[in-house]
Amino acid sequence: MNIRNLRRLTALVLLLVSLGCVAQGKTNAKSVLAEVNAALSKGDAPDVIEGYFKNRGLFASYDRFGSRYQSIIRNTGGPLDHAVVIYIYVDEKKRLLRVETHDSYTGP
């Protein structure tokens, strides 16, 4: 098996594994986004945003250059190291503008 075929096989396995994690209902970016959107609303104050992270047991930091709060939910399960990254973008008064979540995978 040459390196090109090995790369294709590895990519296919990773895709199938990640789809399996989503199908099994494990924590993923989509489910976290739904949870955050249910808990927070556009225009929420900084204390409400920070309270969400605290109540959820998540460490969050504020990135003043990106005008956002950020947090990571690590080791959500599955055969790969999976994390969900949360970005909550805010205005100049730190009031919620929008939320983004992303799945992040790393291997051994």
PDB file of N, CA and C in Angstrom:
ATOM      1  N   MET A   1       0.859  -1.179   0.000  1.00  0.00           N
ATOM      2  CA  MET A   1       0.000   0.000   0.000  1.00  0.00           C
ATOM      3  C   MET A   1       0.900   1.235   0.000  1.00  0.00           C
ATOM      4  N   ASN A   2       0.681   2.113  -0.961  1.00  0.00           N
ATOM      5  CA  ASN A   2       1.516   3.314  -1.005  1.00  0.00           C
ATOM      6  C   ASN A   2       0.956   4.399  -0.085  1.00  0.00           C
ATOM      7  N   ILE A   3       1.717   5.469   0.084  1.00  0.00           N
ATOM      8  CA  ILE A   3       1.359   6.535   1.028  1.00  0.00           C
ATOM      9  C   ILE A   3       0.053   7.230   0.634  1.00  0.00           C
ATOM     10  N   ARG A   4      -0.192   7.372  -0.651  1.00  0.00           N
ATOM     11  CA  ARG A   4      -1.421   8.041  -1.113  1.00  0.00           C
ATOM     12  C   ARG A   4      -2.662   7.243  -0.712  1.00  0.00           C
ATOM     13  N   ASN A   5      -2.606   5.932  -0.915  1.00  0.00           N
ATOM     14  CA  ASN A   5      -3.732   5.077  -0.527  1.00  0.00           C
ATOM     15  C   ASN A   5      -3.914   5.054   0.988  1.00  0.00           C
ATOM     16  N   LEU A   6      -2.813   5.088   1.702  1.00  0.00           N
ATOM     17  CA  LEU A   6      -2.878   5.104   3.164  1.00  0.00           C
ATOM     18  C   LEU A   6      -3.550   6.388   3.655  1.00  0.00           C
ATOM     19  N   ARG A   7      -3.215   7.511   3.048  1.00  0.00           N
ATOM     20  CA  ARG A   7      -3.850   8.781   3.411  1.00  0.00           C
ATOM     21  C   ARG A   7      -5.345   8.753   3.133  1.00  0.00           C
ATOM     22  N   ARG A   8      -5.723   8.213   1.990  1.00  0.00           N
ATOM     23  CA  ARG A   8      -7.160   8.133   1.653  1.00  0.00           C
ATOM     24  C   ARG A   8      -7.896   7.242   2.645  1.00  0.00           C
ATOM     25  N   LEU A   9      -7.303   6.121   2.975  1.00  0.00           N
ATOM     26  CA  LEU A   9      -7.915   5.202   3.931  1.00  0.00           C
ATOM     27  C   LEU A   9      -8.046   5.862   5.302  1.00  0.00           C
ATOM     28  N   THR A  10      -7.011   6.566   5.732  1.00  0.00           N
ATOM     29  CA  THR A  10      -7.050   7.264   7.019  1.00  0.00           C
ATOM     30  C   THR A  10      -8.145   8.331   7.027  1.00  0.00           C
ATOM     31  N   ALA A  11      -8.254   9.099   5.953  1.00  0.00           N
ATOM     32  CA  ALA A  11      -9.290  10.130   5.862  1.00  0.00           C
ATOM     33  C   ALA A  11     -10.681   9.509   5.906  1.00  0.00           C
ATOM     34  N   LEU A  12     -10.867   8.393   5.225  1.00  0.00           N
ATOM     35  CA  LEU A  12     -12.163   7.715   5.223  1.00  0.00           C
ATOM     36  C   LEU A  12     -12.518   7.209   6.621  1.00  0.00           C
ATOM     37  N   VAL A  13     -11.555   6.618   7.314  1.00  0.00           N
ATOM     38  CA  VAL A  13     -11.795   6.117   8.672  1.00  0.00           C
ATOM     39  C   VAL A  13     -12.163   7.269   9.605  1.00  0.00           C
ATOM     40  N   LEU A  14     -11.432   8.379   9.523  1.00  0.00           N
ATOM     41  CA  LEU A  14     -11.727   9.531  10.374  1.00  0.00           C
ATOM     42  C   LEU A  14     -13.122  10.080  10.099  1.00  0.00           C
ATOM     43  N   LEU A  15     -13.505  10.146   8.841  1.00  0.00           N
ATOM     44  CA  LEU A  15     -14.835  10.624   8.484  1.00  0.00           C
ATOM     45  C   LEU A  15     -15.906   9.714   9.062  1.00  0.00           C
ATOM     46  N   LEU A  16     -15.743   8.421   8.897  1.00  0.00           N
ATOM     47  CA  LEU A  16     -16.744   7.477   9.411  1.00  0.00           C
ATOM     48  C   LEU A  16     -16.833   7.517  10.929  1.00  0.00           C
ATOM     49  N   VAL A  17     -15.704   7.643  11.595  1.00  0.00           N
ATOM     50  CA  VAL A  17     -15.695   7.719  13.059  1.00  0.00           C
ATOM     51  C   VAL A  17     -16.402   8.989  13.519  1.00  0.00           C
ATOM     52  N   SER A  18     -16.109  10.114  12.870  1.00  0.00           N
ATOM     53  CA  SER A  18     -16.739  11.367  13.286  1.00  0.00           C
ATOM     54  C   SER A  18     -18.234  11.336  13.025  1.00  0.00           C
ATOM     55  N   LEU A  19     -18.655  10.744  11.925  1.00  0.00           N
ATOM     56  CA  LEU A  19     -20.088  10.619  11.662  1.00  0.00           C
ATOM     57  C   LEU A  19     -20.752   9.719  12.687  1.00  0.00           C
ATOM     58  N   GLY A  20     -20.051   8.684  13.106  1.00  0.00           N
ATOM     59  CA  GLY A  20     -20.592   7.792  14.125  1.00  0.00           C
ATOM     60  C   GLY A  20     -20.778   8.493  15.452  1.00  0.00           C
ATOM     61  N   CYS A  21     -19.869   9.373  15.809  1.00  0.00           N
ATOM     62  CA  CYS A  21     -19.997  10.120  17.062  1.00  0.00           C
ATOM     63  C   CYS A  21     -21.211  11.024  17.018  1.00  0.00           C
ATOM     64  N   VAL A  22     -21.453  11.679  15.902  1.00  0.00           N
ATOM     65  CA  VAL A  22     -22.614  12.562  15.769  1.00  0.00           C
ATOM     66  C   VAL A  22     -23.894  11.747  15.794  1.00  0.00           C
ATOM     67  N   ALA A  23     -23.893  10.615  15.097  1.00  0.00           N
ATOM     68  CA  ALA A  23     -25.100   9.794  15.021  1.00  0.00           C
ATOM     69  C   ALA A  23     -25.477   9.215  16.375  1.00  0.00           C
ATOM     70  N   GLN A  24     -24.496   8.949  17.239  1.00  0.00           N
ATOM     71  CA  GLN A  24     -24.777   8.365  18.546  1.00  0.00           C
ATOM     72  C   GLN A  24     -25.270   9.397  19.550  1.00  0.00           C
ATOM     73  N   GLY A  25     -25.364  10.662  19.146  1.00  0.00           N
ATOM     74  CA  GLY A  25     -25.887  11.683  20.033  1.00  0.00           C
ATOM     75  C   GLY A  25     -24.889  12.189  21.053  1.00  0.00           C
ATOM     76  N   LYS A  26     -23.622  12.000  20.812  1.00  0.00           N
ATOM     77  CA  LYS A  26     -22.609  12.497  21.734  1.00  0.00           C
ATOM     78  C   LYS A  26     -22.512  14.010  21.609  1.00  0.00           C
ATOM     79  N   THR A  27     -21.821  14.611  22.540  1.00  0.00           N
ATOM     80  CA  THR A  27     -21.628  16.055  22.513  1.00  0.00           C
ATOM     81  C   THR A  27     -20.885  16.445  21.250  1.00  0.00           C
ATOM     82  N   ASN A  28     -21.437  17.397  20.518  1.00  0.00           N
ATOM     83  CA  ASN A  28     -20.799  17.909  19.315  1.00  0.00           C
ATOM     84  C   ASN A  28     -21.156  19.384  19.166  1.00  0.00           C
ATOM     85  N   ALA A  29     -20.565  20.029  18.172  1.00  0.00           N
ATOM     86  CA  ALA A  29     -20.758  21.465  17.993  1.00  0.00           C
ATOM     87  C   ALA A  29     -22.230  21.826  17.823  1.00  0.00           C
ATOM     88  N   LYS A  30     -22.957  21.017  17.086  1.00  0.00           N
ATOM     89  CA  LYS A  30     -24.373  21.317  16.835  1.00  0.00           C
ATOM     90  C   LYS A  30     -25.195  21.261  18.123  1.00  0.00           C
ATOM     91  N   SER A  31     -24.966  20.245  18.948  1.00  0.00           N
ATOM     92  CA  SER A  31     -25.730  20.119  20.190  1.00  0.00           C
ATOM     93  C   SER A  31     -25.354  21.207  21.191  1.00  0.00           C
ATOM     94  N   VAL A  32     -24.064  21.568  21.227  1.00  0.00           N
ATOM     95  CA  VAL A  32     -23.626  22.632  22.132  1.00  0.00           C
ATOM     96  C   VAL A  32     -24.196  23.974  21.680  1.00  0.00           C
ATOM     97  N   LEU A  33     -24.217  24.219  20.380  1.00  0.00           N
ATOM     98  CA  LEU A  33     -24.793  25.464  19.865  1.00  0.00           C
ATOM     99  C   LEU A  33     -26.265  25.578  20.264  1.00  0.00           C
ATOM    100  N   ALA A  34     -27.007  24.488  20.139  1.00  0.00           N
ATOM    101  CA  ALA A  34     -28.416  24.498  20.537  1.00  0.00           C
ATOM    102  C   ALA A  34     -28.559  24.790  22.030  1.00  0.00           C
ATOM    103  N   GLU A  35     -27.680  24.202  22.839  1.00  0.00           N
ATOM    104  CA  GLU A  35     -27.725  24.425  24.288  1.00  0.00           C
ATOM    105  C   GLU A  35     -27.425  25.886  24.637  1.00  0.00           C
ATOM    106  N   VAL A  36     -26.385  26.451  24.008  1.00  0.00           N
ATOM    107  CA  VAL A  36     -26.015  27.839  24.288  1.00  0.00           C
ATOM    108  C   VAL A  36     -27.136  28.778  23.846  1.00  0.00           C
ATOM    109  N   ASN A  37     -27.684  28.534  22.660  1.00  0.00           N
ATOM    110  CA  ASN A  37     -28.763  29.391  22.157  1.00  0.00           C
ATOM    111  C   ASN A  37     -30.021  29.304  23.015  1.00  0.00           C
ATOM    112  N   ALA A  38     -30.237  28.157  23.665  1.00  0.00           N
ATOM    113  CA  ALA A  38     -31.383  28.023  24.562  1.00  0.00           C
ATOM    114  C   ALA A  38     -31.154  28.781  25.875  1.00  0.00           C
ATOM    115  N   ALA A  39     -29.888  28.862  26.286  1.00  0.00           N
ATOM    116  CA  ALA A  39     -29.559  29.498  27.569  1.00  0.00           C
ATOM    117  C   ALA A  39     -29.334  31.005  27.457  1.00  0.00           C
ATOM    118  N   LEU A  40     -28.838  31.457  26.296  1.00  0.00           N
ATOM    119  CA  LEU A  40     -28.490  32.861  26.121  1.00  0.00           C
ATOM    120  C   LEU A  40     -29.255  33.473  24.951  1.00  0.00           C
ATOM    121  N   SER A  41     -29.406  34.794  25.001  1.00  0.00           N
ATOM    122  CA  SER A  41     -30.107  35.513  23.931  1.00  0.00           C
ATOM    123  C   SER A  41     -29.257  36.688  23.475  1.00  0.00           C
ATOM    124  N   LYS A  42     -29.481  37.105  22.253  1.00  0.00           N
ATOM    125  CA  LYS A  42     -28.774  38.258  21.716  1.00  0.00           C
ATOM    126  C   LYS A  42     -29.004  39.452  22.639  1.00  0.00           C
ATOM    127  N   GLY A  43     -27.914  40.152  22.968  1.00  0.00           N
ATOM    128  CA  GLY A  43     -28.008  41.312  23.844  1.00  0.00           C
ATOM    129  C   GLY A  43     -27.784  41.012  25.310  1.00  0.00           C
ATOM    130  N   ASP A  44     -27.603  39.720  25.667  1.00  0.00           N
ATOM    131  CA  ASP A  44     -27.349  39.382  27.074  1.00  0.00           C
ATOM    132  C   ASP A  44     -26.071  40.060  27.571  1.00  0.00           C
ATOM    133  N   ALA A  45     -26.110  40.479  28.830  1.00  0.00           N
ATOM    134  CA  ALA A  45     -25.004  41.197  29.458  1.00  0.00           C
ATOM    135  C   ALA A  45     -23.849  40.245  29.790  1.00  0.00           C
ATOM    136  N   PRO A  46     -22.665  40.814  30.049  1.00  0.00           N
ATOM    137  CA  PRO A  46     -21.500  39.979  30.367  1.00  0.00           C
ATOM    138  C   PRO A  46     -21.710  39.069  31.570  1.00  0.00           C
ATOM    139  N   ASP A  47     -22.404  39.532  32.597  1.00  0.00           N
ATOM    140  CA  ASP A  47     -22.611  38.682  33.777  1.00  0.00           C
ATOM    141  C   ASP A  47     -23.471  37.468  33.446  1.00  0.00           C
ATOM    142  N   VAL A  48     -24.398  37.608  32.509  1.00  0.00           N
ATOM    143  CA  VAL A  48     -25.229  36.472  32.087  1.00  0.00           C
ATOM    144  C   VAL A  48     -24.376  35.474  31.307  1.00  0.00           C
ATOM    145  N   ILE A  49     -23.537  35.984  30.404  1.00  0.00           N
ATOM    146  CA  ILE A  49     -22.657  35.123  29.606  1.00  0.00           C
ATOM    147  C   ILE A  49     -21.679  34.383  30.511  1.00  0.00           C
ATOM    148  N   GLU A  50     -21.030  35.118  31.411  1.00  0.00           N
ATOM    149  CA  GLU A  50     -20.069  34.508  32.326  1.00  0.00           C
ATOM    150  C   GLU A  50     -20.756  33.519  33.270  1.00  0.00           C
ATOM    151  N   GLY A  51     -21.986  33.830  33.672  1.00  0.00           N
ATOM    152  CA  GLY A  51     -22.759  32.922  34.513  1.00  0.00           C
ATOM    153  C   GLY A  51     -23.076  31.615  33.808  1.00  0.00           C
ATOM    154  N   TYR A  52     -23.325  31.683  32.500  1.00  0.00           N
ATOM    155  CA  TYR A  52     -23.582  30.469  31.730  1.00  0.00           C
ATOM    156  C   TYR A  52     -22.368  29.535  31.814  1.00  0.00           C
ATOM    157  N   PHE A  53     -21.183  30.080  31.549  1.00  0.00           N
ATOM    158  CA  PHE A  53     -19.976  29.251  31.595  1.00  0.00           C
ATOM    159  C   PHE A  53     -19.766  28.689  32.995  1.00  0.00           C
ATOM    160  N   LYS A  54     -19.959  29.517  34.015  1.00  0.00           N
ATOM    161  CA  LYS A  54     -19.762  29.079  35.402  1.00  0.00           C
ATOM    162  C   LYS A  54     -20.748  27.969  35.759  1.00  0.00           C
ATOM    163  N   ASN A  55     -22.028  28.145  35.424  1.00  0.00           N
ATOM    164  CA  ASN A  55     -23.038  27.136  35.736  1.00  0.00           C
ATOM    165  C   ASN A  55     -22.792  25.832  34.993  1.00  0.00           C
ATOM    166  N   ARG A  56     -22.198  25.924  33.831  1.00  0.00           N
ATOM    167  CA  ARG A  56     -21.902  24.735  33.013  1.00  0.00           C
ATOM    168  C   ARG A  56     -20.595  24.076  33.456  1.00  0.00           C
ATOM    169  N   GLY A  57     -19.852  24.753  34.350  1.00  0.00           N
ATOM    170  CA  GLY A  57     -18.591  24.213  34.832  1.00  0.00           C
ATOM    171  C   GLY A  57     -17.456  24.351  33.833  1.00  0.00           C
ATOM    172  N   LEU A  58     -17.545  25.352  32.972  1.00  0.00           N
ATOM    173  CA  LEU A  58     -16.537  25.561  31.936  1.00  0.00           C
ATOM    174  C   LEU A  58     -15.681  26.773  32.252  1.00  0.00           C
ATOM    175  N   PHE A  59     -14.380  26.643  32.034  1.00  0.00           N
ATOM    176  CA  PHE A  59     -13.492  27.791  32.123  1.00  0.00           C
ATOM    177  C   PHE A  59     -13.628  28.578  30.826  1.00  0.00           C
ATOM    178  N   ALA A  60     -13.781  29.879  30.922  1.00  0.00           N
ATOM    179  CA  ALA A  60     -13.880  30.732  29.740  1.00  0.00           C
ATOM    180  C   ALA A  60     -12.955  31.924  29.918  1.00  0.00           C
ATOM    181  N   SER A  61     -12.462  32.406  28.805  1.00  0.00           N
ATOM    182  CA  SER A  61     -11.634  33.612  28.840  1.00  0.00           C
ATOM    183  C   SER A  61     -12.211  34.614  27.851  1.00  0.00           C
ATOM    184  N   TYR A  62     -11.850  35.873  28.063  1.00  0.00           N
ATOM    185  CA  TYR A  62     -12.301  36.919  27.156  1.00  0.00           C
ATOM    186  C   TYR A  62     -11.128  37.343  26.281  1.00  0.00           C
ATOM    187  N   ASP A  63     -11.325  37.307  24.981  1.00  0.00           N
ATOM    188  CA  ASP A  63     -10.316  37.721  24.011  1.00  0.00           C
ATOM    189  C   ASP A  63     -10.664  39.131  23.559  1.00  0.00           C
ATOM    190  N   ARG A  64      -9.975  40.122  24.093  1.00  0.00           N
ATOM    191  CA  ARG A  64     -10.312  41.516  23.778  1.00  0.00           C
ATOM    192  C   ARG A  64      -9.992  41.869  22.328  1.00  0.00           C
ATOM    193  N   PHE A  65      -9.049  41.164  21.711  1.00  0.00           N
ATOM    194  CA  PHE A  65      -8.709  41.440  20.323  1.00  0.00           C
ATOM    195  C   PHE A  65      -9.755  40.859  19.369  1.00  0.00           C
ATOM    196  N   GLY A  66     -10.369  39.755  19.754  1.00  0.00           N
ATOM    197  CA  GLY A  66     -11.408  39.134  18.943  1.00  0.00           C
ATOM    198  C   GLY A  66     -12.812  39.521  19.381  1.00  0.00           C
ATOM    199  N   SER A  67     -12.913  40.290  20.459  1.00  0.00           N
ATOM    200  CA  SER A  67     -14.205  40.689  21.040  1.00  0.00           C
ATOM    201  C   SER A  67     -15.100  39.474  21.247  1.00  0.00           C
ATOM    202  N   ARG A  68     -14.558  38.496  21.973  1.00  0.00           N
ATOM    203  CA  ARG A  68     -15.324  37.273  22.195  1.00  0.00           C
ATOM    204  C   ARG A  68     -14.894  36.576  23.472  1.00  0.00           C
ATOM    205  N   TYR A  69     -15.843  35.819  24.026  1.00  0.00           N
ATOM    206  CA  TYR A  69     -15.550  34.855  25.079  1.00  0.00           C
ATOM    207  C   TYR A  69     -15.247  33.546  24.371  1.00  0.00           C
ATOM    208  N   GLN A  70     -14.367  32.749  24.950  1.00  0.00           N
ATOM    209  CA  GLN A  70     -14.026  31.471  24.341  1.00  0.00           C
ATOM    210  C   GLN A  70     -13.853  30.410  25.405  1.00  0.00           C
ATOM    211  N   SER A  71     -14.264  29.205  25.049  1.00  0.00           N
ATOM    212  CA  SER A  71     -14.158  28.082  25.966  1.00  0.00           C
ATOM    213  C   SER A  71     -14.031  26.803  25.148  1.00  0.00           C
ATOM    214  N   ILE A  72     -13.572  25.749  25.799  1.00  0.00           N
ATOM    215  CA  ILE A  72     -13.422  24.448  25.134  1.00  0.00           C
ATOM    216  C   ILE A  72     -13.991  23.361  26.034  1.00  0.00           C
ATOM    217  N   ILE A  73     -14.821  22.513  25.448  1.00  0.00           N
ATOM    218  CA  ILE A  73     -15.283  21.295  26.126  1.00  0.00           C
ATOM    219  C   ILE A  73     -14.391  20.180  25.596  1.00  0.00           C
ATOM    220  N   ARG A  74     -13.538  19.625  26.436  1.00  0.00           N
ATOM    221  CA  ARG A  74     -12.553  18.633  25.993  1.00  0.00           C
ATOM    222  C   ARG A  74     -13.021  17.205  26.275  1.00  0.00           C
ATOM    223  N   ASN A  75     -12.453  16.289  25.499  1.00  0.00           N
ATOM    224  CA  ASN A  75     -12.669  14.847  25.697  1.00  0.00           C
ATOM    225  C   ASN A  75     -14.148  14.495  25.799  1.00  0.00           C
ATOM    226  N   THR A  76     -14.860  14.735  24.723  1.00  0.00           N
ATOM    227  CA  THR A  76     -16.298  14.476  24.721  1.00  0.00           C
ATOM    228  C   THR A  76     -16.627  13.010  24.462  1.00  0.00           C
ATOM    229  N   GLY A  77     -15.633  12.181  24.286  1.00  0.00           N
ATOM    230  CA  GLY A  77     -15.845  10.756  24.082  1.00  0.00           C
ATOM    231  C   GLY A  77     -15.512  10.344  22.656  1.00  0.00           C
ATOM    232  N   GLY A  78     -15.499   9.045  22.424  1.00  0.00           N
ATOM    233  CA  GLY A  78     -15.169   8.532  21.100  1.00  0.00           C
ATOM    234  C   GLY A  78     -13.714   8.102  21.026  1.00  0.00           C
ATOM    235  N   PRO A  79     -13.364   7.479  19.918  1.00  0.00           N
ATOM    236  CA  PRO A  79     -12.018   6.935  19.779  1.00  0.00           C
ATOM    237  C   PRO A  79     -10.939   8.004  19.534  1.00  0.00           C
ATOM    238  N   LEU A  80     -11.331   9.182  19.079  1.00  0.00           N
ATOM    239  CA  LEU A  80     -10.374  10.262  18.862  1.00  0.00           C
ATOM    240  C   LEU A  80     -10.529  11.303  19.955  1.00  0.00           C
ATOM    241  N   ASP A  81      -9.505  12.116  20.141  1.00  0.00           N
ATOM    242  CA  ASP A  81      -9.630  13.235  21.066  1.00  0.00           C
ATOM    243  C   ASP A  81     -10.508  14.277  20.398  1.00  0.00           C
ATOM    244  N   HIS A  82     -11.690  14.469  20.939  1.00  0.00           N
ATOM    245  CA  HIS A  82     -12.669  15.382  20.370  1.00  0.00           C
ATOM    246  C   HIS A  82     -12.942  16.487  21.373  1.00  0.00           C
ATOM    247  N   ALA A  83     -13.016  17.694  20.871  1.00  0.00           N
ATOM    248  CA  ALA A  83     -13.354  18.838  21.706  1.00  0.00           C
ATOM    249  C   ALA A  83     -14.352  19.699  20.943  1.00  0.00           C
ATOM    250  N   VAL A  84     -15.115  20.479  21.688  1.00  0.00           N
ATOM    251  CA  VAL A  84     -16.011  21.456  21.082  1.00  0.00           C
ATOM    252  C   VAL A  84     -15.540  22.828  21.538  1.00  0.00           C
ATOM    253  N   VAL A  85     -15.254  23.683  20.572  1.00  0.00           N
ATOM    254  CA  VAL A  85     -14.794  25.043  20.849  1.00  0.00           C
ATOM    255  C   VAL A  85     -15.998  25.973  20.782  1.00  0.00           C
ATOM    256  N   ILE A  86     -16.143  26.826  21.788  1.00  0.00           N
ATOM    257  CA  ILE A  86     -17.266  27.765  21.864  1.00  0.00           C
ATOM    258  C   ILE A  86     -16.723  29.186  21.767  1.00  0.00           C
ATOM    259  N   TYR A  87     -17.278  29.963  20.841  1.00  0.00           N
ATOM    260  CA  TYR A  87     -16.968  31.386  20.730  1.00  0.00           C
ATOM    261  C   TYR A  87     -18.266  32.168  20.891  1.00  0.00           C
ATOM    262  N   ILE A  88     -18.277  33.111  21.816  1.00  0.00           N
ATOM    263  CA  ILE A  88     -19.423  34.002  21.977  1.00  0.00           C
ATOM    264  C   ILE A  88     -18.935  35.415  21.682  1.00  0.00           C
ATOM    265  N   TYR A  89     -19.341  35.919  20.532  1.00  0.00           N
ATOM    266  CA  TYR A  89     -18.929  37.253  20.095  1.00  0.00           C
ATOM    267  C   TYR A  89     -19.803  38.313  20.746  1.00  0.00           C
ATOM    268  N   VAL A  90     -19.163  39.406  21.150  1.00  0.00           N
ATOM    269  CA  VAL A  90     -19.870  40.470  21.873  1.00  0.00           C
ATOM    270  C   VAL A  90     -19.563  41.832  21.259  1.00  0.00           C
ATOM    271  N   ASP A  91     -20.385  42.820  21.625  1.00  0.00           N
ATOM    272  CA  ASP A  91     -20.167  44.192  21.162  1.00  0.00           C
ATOM    273  C   ASP A  91     -19.230  44.915  22.120  1.00  0.00           C
ATOM    274  N   GLU A  92     -19.088  46.223  21.960  1.00  0.00           N
ATOM    275  CA  GLU A  92     -18.156  47.010  22.791  1.00  0.00           C
ATOM    276  C   GLU A  92     -18.557  47.042  24.258  1.00  0.00           C
ATOM    277  N   LYS A  93     -19.828  46.764  24.564  1.00  0.00           N
ATOM    278  CA  LYS A  93     -20.289  46.690  25.960  1.00  0.00           C
ATOM    279  C   LYS A  93     -20.318  45.245  26.467  1.00  0.00           C
ATOM    280  N   LYS A  94     -19.729  44.350  25.697  1.00  0.00           N
ATOM    281  CA  LYS A  94     -19.679  42.915  25.990  1.00  0.00           C
ATOM    282  C   LYS A  94     -21.060  42.273  26.022  1.00  0.00           C
ATOM    283  N   ARG A  95     -21.981  42.790  25.240  1.00  0.00           N
ATOM    284  CA  ARG A  95     -23.309  42.184  25.108  1.00  0.00           C
ATOM    285  C   ARG A  95     -23.294  41.216  23.932  1.00  0.00           C
ATOM    286  N   LEU A  96     -23.958  40.087  24.101  1.00  0.00           N
ATOM    287  CA  LEU A  96     -23.913  39.004  23.126  1.00  0.00           C
ATOM    288  C   LEU A  96     -24.397  39.443  21.742  1.00  0.00           C
ATOM    289  N   LEU A  97     -23.593  39.118  20.730  1.00  0.00           N
ATOM    290  CA  LEU A  97     -23.975  39.342  19.340  1.00  0.00           C
ATOM    291  C   LEU A  97     -24.318  38.025  18.645  1.00  0.00           C
ATOM    292  N   ARG A  98     -23.395  37.057  18.732  1.00  0.00           N
ATOM    293  CA  ARG A  98     -23.624  35.763  18.076  1.00  0.00           C
ATOM    294  C   ARG A  98     -22.756  34.686  18.725  1.00  0.00           C
ATOM    295  N   VAL A  99     -23.132  33.438  18.466  1.00  0.00           N
ATOM    296  CA  VAL A  99     -22.427  32.292  19.039  1.00  0.00           C
ATOM    297  C   VAL A  99     -21.950  31.392  17.909  1.00  0.00           C
ATOM    298  N   GLU A 100     -20.731  30.890  18.035  1.00  0.00           N
ATOM    299  CA  GLU A 100     -20.199  29.907  17.109  1.00  0.00           C
ATOM    300  C   GLU A 100     -19.653  28.735  17.904  1.00  0.00           C
ATOM    301  N   THR A 101     -19.846  27.535  17.377  1.00  0.00           N
ATOM    302  CA  THR A 101     -19.249  26.350  17.974  1.00  0.00           C
ATOM    303  C   THR A 101     -18.586  25.545  16.864  1.00  0.00           C
ATOM    304  N   HIS A 102     -17.485  24.879  17.205  1.00  0.00           N
ATOM    305  CA  HIS A 102     -16.741  24.098  16.208  1.00  0.00           C
ATOM    306  C   HIS A 102     -16.275  22.797  16.842  1.00  0.00           C
ATOM    307  N   ASP A 103     -16.364  21.712  16.072  1.00  0.00           N
ATOM    308  CA  ASP A 103     -15.784  20.436  16.489  1.00  0.00           C
ATOM    309  C   ASP A 103     -14.295  20.469  16.168  1.00  0.00           C
ATOM    310  N   SER A 104     -13.502  19.946  17.079  1.00  0.00           N
ATOM    311  CA  SER A 104     -12.062  19.878  16.891  1.00  0.00           C
ATOM    312  C   SER A 104     -11.607  18.461  17.211  1.00  0.00           C
ATOM    313  N   TYR A 105     -10.892  17.844  16.272  1.00  0.00           N
ATOM    314  CA  TYR A 105     -10.420  16.467  16.453  1.00  0.00           C
ATOM    315  C   TYR A 105      -8.898  16.435  16.383  1.00  0.00           C
ATOM    316  N   THR A 106      -8.295  15.659  17.266  1.00  0.00           N
ATOM    317  CA  THR A 106      -6.871  15.404  17.191  1.00  0.00           C
ATOM    318  C   THR A 106      -6.656  13.918  17.377  1.00  0.00           C
ATOM    319  N   GLY A 107      -5.609  13.420  16.815  1.00  0.00           N
ATOM    320  CA  GLY A 107      -5.290  12.002  16.935  1.00  0.00           C
ATOM    321  C   GLY A 107      -4.063  11.801  17.797  1.00  0.00           C
ATOM    322  N   PRO A 108      -3.733  10.565  18.024  1.00  0.00           N
ATOM    323  CA  PRO A 108      -2.564  10.249  18.859  1.00  0.00           C
ATOM    324  C   PRO A 108      -1.271  10.685  18.199  1.00  0.00           C
TER     325      PRO A 108
END
